[in-house]
Amino acid sequence: KYAMRDLVNRLPGGNTTQLSDDTAAAICCTLHEVTRRNMENAKALADAGGIEKLVNITKSRGE
């Protein structure tokens, strides 16, 4: 929960630097692991703006 904002800030989108696909995938996997069975972490992800960033990543993959 304490590193959630840092993980979300590393995701592509907004004013972050360009990440490799491997780094973005590793962050996504980490977010999945910490949120899949913990509602408090899932809420922290939403509060940090992570859901919007994940949706944008999904939408941009076909481009």
Protein backbone atom coordinates (compact mmCIF):
# COMPACT_ATOMS: atom_id res chain seq x y z
CA LYS A 1 0.00 0.00 0.00
CA TYR A 2 2.82 2.39 0.79
CA ALA A 3 4.58 1.90 -2.54
CA MET A 4 1.37 2.01 -4.59
CA ARG A 5 1.72 5.66 -5.59
CA ASP A 6 5.34 5.07 -6.64
CA LEU A 7 4.35 2.08 -8.78
CA VAL A 8 1.48 3.99 -10.40
CA ASN A 9 3.73 6.98 -11.07
CA ARG A 10 6.13 4.67 -12.95
CA LEU A 11 3.40 3.52 -15.34
CA PRO A 12 3.35 5.08 -18.82
CA GLY A 13 1.11 8.09 -19.21
CA GLY A 14 1.20 11.59 -17.92
CA ASN A 15 4.67 13.04 -17.52
CA THR A 16 6.71 9.86 -17.03
CA THR A 17 9.71 9.01 -19.12
CA GLN A 18 9.46 6.27 -21.73
CA LEU A 19 9.54 2.79 -20.18
CA SER A 20 10.42 -0.45 -21.87
CA ASP A 21 7.60 -2.92 -22.38
CA ASP A 22 9.33 -5.29 -19.95
CA THR A 23 9.37 -2.66 -17.20
CA ALA A 24 5.72 -1.75 -17.76
CA ALA A 25 4.79 -5.45 -17.70
CA ALA A 26 6.72 -5.98 -14.46
CA ILE A 27 4.90 -3.07 -12.82
CA CYS A 28 1.54 -4.40 -14.03
CA CYS A 29 2.32 -7.87 -12.66
CA THR A 30 3.35 -6.37 -9.33
CA LEU A 31 0.14 -4.35 -9.14
CA HIS A 32 -1.86 -7.49 -9.94
CA GLU A 33 -0.16 -9.47 -7.19
CA VAL A 34 -0.68 -6.84 -4.49
CA THR A 35 -4.30 -6.07 -5.41
CA ARG A 36 -5.87 -9.39 -6.34
CA ARG A 37 -6.63 -10.52 -2.78
CA ASN A 38 -6.42 -7.27 -0.85
CA MET A 39 -9.23 -4.74 -1.09
CA GLU A 40 -7.22 -2.08 0.75
CA ASN A 41 -4.47 -2.26 -1.87
CA ALA A 42 -7.05 -2.22 -4.67
CA LYS A 43 -8.53 0.95 -3.19
CA ALA A 44 -5.05 2.47 -2.92
CA LEU A 45 -4.51 1.67 -6.62
CA ALA A 46 -7.74 3.45 -7.54
CA ASP A 47 -6.97 6.41 -5.27
CA ALA A 48 -3.53 6.81 -6.89
CA GLY A 49 -5.06 7.00 -10.38
CA GLY A 50 -3.77 3.60 -11.39
CA ILE A 51 -6.96 2.31 -12.95
CA GLU A 52 -7.05 5.12 -15.48
CA LYS A 53 -3.41 4.51 -16.39
CA LEU A 54 -4.00 0.77 -16.79
CA VAL A 55 -7.02 1.39 -19.02
CA ASN A 56 -4.97 3.79 -21.15
CA ILE A 57 -2.20 1.20 -21.49
CA THR A 58 -4.76 -1.35 -22.64
CA LYS A 59 -6.29 1.05 -25.16
CA SER A 60 -2.90 2.08 -26.58
CA ARG A 61 -1.63 -1.47 -27.18
CA GLY A 62 -3.34 -1.73 -30.56
CA GLU A 63 -1.73 1.43 -31.91
